Every structure is written in structure tokens, then in C-alpha cells.
Amino acid sequence: MVGIDIAERFLALGAAEAPAGAVFARADARALPVRPAFDAAVSLCQGGFGLPSDPSAPDDSSVLAALAGALRAGGRLALTAFSSYFMVRHLEEADDFDVGAGVNHERAPVKDADGKEQEFDLWTACYTPRELRLLAAAAGLDVVGLWSVTPGRYDRRPPDIEHPELLMIAERVAS
């Protein structure tokens, strides 16, 4: 098992609970420092995918390509992305959804390790099932399943407008 995150704190938290032999590395999800040897890759709850570095032009295709590139032929990816349908249906007054970019902006409180709260700007890229399928195909992945889910509850339910995330399971195509 290899855990990768851009935040040192999350790596430390993962390592503290990890099984023996687990390895952790700090890296950007757009340029993973691994070769295509993994049976599976997981990116849940906007774990690198869906958090644009440039909110006006999200480029999650590079994250998806890097994840696909880490998989051996036949390896599987589990990825969640925020649903555009849910976001538009449940816009809150403080949300600022850029329809052209498919990105929502909000100010959100985040707590540090000591419990001190501070507000941050958060941008979340949002997707339709069709967009995820097209991105997957461009990255050399075949979509095995795509469902509407709630974080932590990954039931197989057809895409809808009532659940905040989409879960995509995809398989790396043999080269």
C-alpha cells in the first residue's frame, strides 16, 4: 500500500494508523511519482481530483491521467467527484457557482490540529456523469460503474440529483 498526499499532516495521520509495510509519499496528484504497477488506486472526497489549482479552468484530466498511469493494465480506480446536478439543485446563498467552469466557490471554516477555526476560500470542481466518462476514456480507462453516492455511503444507485457525489469505478485499458 502506498499513500500519497500533498499535505504532510495527512501523511502523518495516515502513517500513524497504517498497516506494517505501508509507504507514504508527499506528491501532487497531477504528477504521481509512481510507475504503472498498482492493482488499484483510490481518490475519494475530492482527494486531489476536483480541487482545481486554477478555479477558472479546472484541469482534472491531468489528475485522472496520473491515476490511470499508476495502474497496471486491468487495474481499477475508485474515484469520487462532486455532482454538478446536486450542486445546482442545492445552491446555498453563500455559494458562487461558475456555470461555465463547473466550479463552486465558498468560504468555509477549517479547524487546525488544535481546534482553532479559520475561514478559507474553497473551490470545488463539479461534474456530470457524462463528463466523468469522457475524462476516463481520454485517460485510457473503461468505466465499469458510475453511481450517485453520499460520502461514506457508497451504495450502487443510478446517477441522480439528490446525492452530492458521483462514484466512478474504472479499469485501465490494456495497452
Protein backbone atom coordinates (compact mmCIF):
# COMPACT_ATOMS: atom_id res chain seq x y z
CA MET A 1 0.00 0.00 0.00
CA VAL A 2 1.22 3.45 -0.94
CA GLY A 3 -0.42 6.58 0.43
CA ILE A 4 0.14 9.86 -1.38
CA ASP A 5 -0.96 13.33 -0.35
CA ILE A 6 0.27 16.87 -0.85
CA ALA A 7 -0.18 17.68 2.87
CA GLU A 8 2.46 16.50 5.35
CA ARG A 9 -0.16 16.43 8.13
CA PHE A 10 -2.40 13.98 6.28
CA LEU A 11 0.59 11.75 5.56
CA ALA A 12 1.48 11.71 9.26
CA LEU A 13 -2.11 10.86 10.21
CA GLY A 14 -2.20 8.03 7.64
CA ALA A 15 1.15 6.63 8.73
CA ALA A 16 0.05 6.58 12.38
CA GLU A 17 -2.77 4.12 11.58
CA ALA A 18 -1.20 2.26 8.67
CA PRO A 19 -0.50 -1.47 8.48
CA ALA A 20 3.10 -2.68 8.51
CA GLY A 21 4.83 -2.17 5.18
CA ALA A 22 2.74 0.81 4.09
CA VAL A 23 4.69 3.60 2.40
CA PHE A 24 3.75 7.28 2.30
CA ALA A 25 4.99 9.99 -0.04
CA ARG A 26 4.30 13.69 -0.46
CA ALA A 27 3.33 14.43 -4.05
CA ASP A 28 0.96 16.39 -6.26
CA ALA A 29 -1.85 14.24 -7.68
CA ARG A 30 -1.20 15.71 -11.14
CA ALA A 31 2.29 14.17 -11.25
CA LEU A 32 2.41 10.98 -9.21
CA PRO A 33 5.94 9.64 -8.66
CA VAL A 34 4.98 6.02 -9.41
CA ARG A 35 5.14 3.63 -12.33
CA PRO A 36 2.21 1.60 -13.70
CA ALA A 37 2.29 -1.27 -11.23
CA PHE A 38 -0.74 -0.87 -8.96
CA ASP A 39 -3.82 -3.09 -8.89
CA ALA A 40 -5.95 -0.26 -7.51
CA ALA A 41 -5.97 3.48 -6.93
CA VAL A 42 -8.45 5.36 -4.73
CA SER A 43 -9.30 9.06 -4.71
CA LEU A 44 -12.33 9.78 -2.51
CA CYS A 45 -13.88 13.00 -1.23
CA GLN A 46 -12.05 15.26 -3.67
CA GLY A 47 -8.71 13.63 -2.82
CA GLY A 48 -6.74 15.56 -5.42
CA PHE A 49 -9.48 15.27 -8.04
CA GLY A 50 -11.95 18.13 -8.01
CA LEU A 51 -9.79 20.69 -6.22
CA PRO A 52 -8.62 22.98 -9.01
CA SER A 53 -5.39 24.91 -8.67
CA ASP A 54 -6.87 27.42 -11.13
CA PRO A 55 -10.59 27.82 -10.32
CA SER A 56 -11.32 29.46 -13.67
CA ALA A 57 -10.02 26.45 -15.61
CA PRO A 58 -10.04 23.17 -13.68
CA ASP A 59 -7.79 20.55 -15.25
CA ASP A 60 -8.68 17.30 -13.55
CA SER A 61 -7.71 15.46 -16.72
CA SER A 62 -4.08 15.60 -15.52
CA VAL A 63 -5.04 14.07 -12.16
CA LEU A 64 -7.04 11.33 -13.86
CA ALA A 65 -4.19 10.65 -16.31
CA ALA A 66 -1.72 10.36 -13.40
CA LEU A 67 -4.01 7.96 -11.52
CA ALA A 68 -4.53 5.86 -14.66
CA GLY A 69 -0.77 5.91 -15.25
CA ALA A 70 -0.17 4.38 -11.82
CA LEU A 71 -2.35 1.36 -12.66
CA ARG A 72 -1.18 -1.81 -14.37
CA ALA A 73 -3.35 -3.00 -17.29
CA GLY A 74 -6.60 -4.21 -15.75
CA GLY A 75 -6.03 -2.20 -12.56
CA ARG A 76 -9.04 -0.40 -11.13
CA LEU A 77 -9.68 3.15 -10.00
CA ALA A 78 -12.31 4.25 -7.48
CA LEU A 79 -12.86 7.99 -7.67
CA THR A 80 -15.49 10.36 -6.34
CA ALA A 81 -16.33 13.75 -7.79
CA PHE A 82 -18.84 16.36 -6.72
CA SER A 83 -22.06 16.24 -8.76
CA SER A 84 -22.95 19.31 -10.82
CA TYR A 85 -26.60 18.31 -10.66
CA PHE A 86 -26.62 18.22 -6.86
CA MET A 87 -24.68 21.48 -6.58
CA VAL A 88 -27.06 23.41 -8.82
CA ARG A 89 -30.13 21.92 -7.14
CA HIS A 90 -28.87 22.71 -3.63
CA LEU A 91 -27.07 26.02 -4.08
CA GLU A 92 -26.82 27.92 -0.83
CA GLU A 93 -26.84 31.69 -0.58
CA ALA A 94 -23.11 31.78 0.21
CA ASP A 95 -22.23 29.58 -2.81
CA ASP A 96 -20.92 31.12 -6.01
CA PHE A 97 -21.26 28.55 -8.79
CA ASP A 98 -19.44 29.36 -12.05
CA VAL A 99 -21.61 27.59 -14.63
CA GLY A 100 -19.06 28.00 -17.44
CA ALA A 101 -16.22 26.40 -15.46
CA GLY A 102 -18.36 24.00 -13.42
CA VAL A 103 -16.69 25.22 -10.23
CA ASN A 104 -18.31 26.22 -6.94
CA HIS A 105 -16.68 28.77 -4.64
CA GLU A 106 -17.47 29.04 -0.96
CA ARG A 107 -15.92 30.38 2.23
CA ALA A 108 -15.66 27.57 4.73
CA PRO A 109 -14.37 27.24 8.27
CA VAL A 110 -11.48 24.79 8.68
CA LYS A 111 -10.04 23.71 12.03
CA ASP A 112 -6.35 23.14 12.63
CA ALA A 113 -4.91 20.36 14.82
CA ASP A 114 -5.52 22.47 17.93
CA GLY A 115 -9.17 23.12 17.06
CA LYS A 116 -8.61 26.75 16.06
CA GLU A 117 -11.01 27.72 13.29
CA GLN A 118 -10.11 29.84 10.30
CA GLU A 119 -12.05 30.64 7.12
CA PHE A 120 -10.68 29.67 3.72
CA ASP A 121 -11.75 30.01 0.11
CA LEU A 122 -12.69 26.60 -1.27
CA TRP A 123 -13.18 25.86 -4.95
CA THR A 124 -14.72 22.55 -5.91
CA ALA A 125 -14.97 21.34 -9.49
CA CYS A 126 -18.31 19.66 -10.20
CA TYR A 127 -19.05 17.05 -12.84
CA THR A 128 -21.84 15.31 -14.70
CA PRO A 129 -21.70 11.53 -15.28
CA ARG A 130 -21.08 12.18 -18.99
CA GLU A 131 -18.07 14.42 -18.24
CA LEU A 132 -16.54 11.77 -15.97
CA ARG A 133 -16.98 9.10 -18.64
CA LEU A 134 -15.32 11.33 -21.27
CA LEU A 135 -12.41 12.18 -18.95
CA ALA A 136 -11.96 8.49 -18.11
CA ALA A 137 -11.90 7.48 -21.77
CA ALA A 138 -9.31 10.17 -22.54
CA ALA A 139 -7.13 8.78 -19.71
CA GLY A 140 -7.31 5.22 -21.07
CA LEU A 141 -9.89 3.97 -18.60
CA ASP A 142 -13.06 1.96 -19.19
CA VAL A 143 -15.87 2.92 -16.80
CA VAL A 144 -17.16 -0.19 -15.03
CA GLY A 145 -19.76 1.64 -12.92
CA LEU A 146 -20.89 5.14 -12.06
CA TRP A 147 -23.26 5.82 -9.16
CA SER A 148 -24.67 8.69 -7.09
CA VAL A 149 -23.37 8.46 -3.53
CA THR A 150 -23.01 10.24 -0.22
CA PRO A 151 -19.52 10.36 1.34
CA GLY A 152 -19.05 7.22 3.42
CA ARG A 153 -22.15 5.55 1.90
CA TYR A 154 -21.27 4.05 -1.44
CA ASP A 155 -24.47 2.27 -2.45
CA ARG A 156 -24.93 1.42 -6.12
CA ARG A 157 -27.62 3.84 -7.20
CA PRO A 158 -28.07 5.31 -10.69
CA PRO A 159 -26.92 8.91 -11.11
CA ASP A 160 -29.49 11.31 -9.67
CA ILE A 161 -29.82 14.89 -8.42
CA GLU A 162 -30.24 14.06 -4.74
CA HIS A 163 -26.76 12.80 -3.80
CA PRO A 164 -23.71 15.07 -3.57
CA GLU A 165 -21.07 12.87 -5.17
CA LEU A 166 -20.57 10.55 -8.10
CA LEU A 167 -18.54 7.38 -7.58
CA MET A 168 -16.77 6.10 -10.68
CA ILE A 169 -15.14 2.69 -10.86
CA ALA A 170 -12.93 2.39 -13.94
CA GLU A 171 -10.42 -0.11 -15.28
CA ARG A 172 -7.14 0.64 -17.06
CA VAL A 173 -7.32 -0.49 -20.65
CA ALA A 174 -4.56 -2.89 -21.77
CA SER A 175 -2.06 -1.02 -23.96
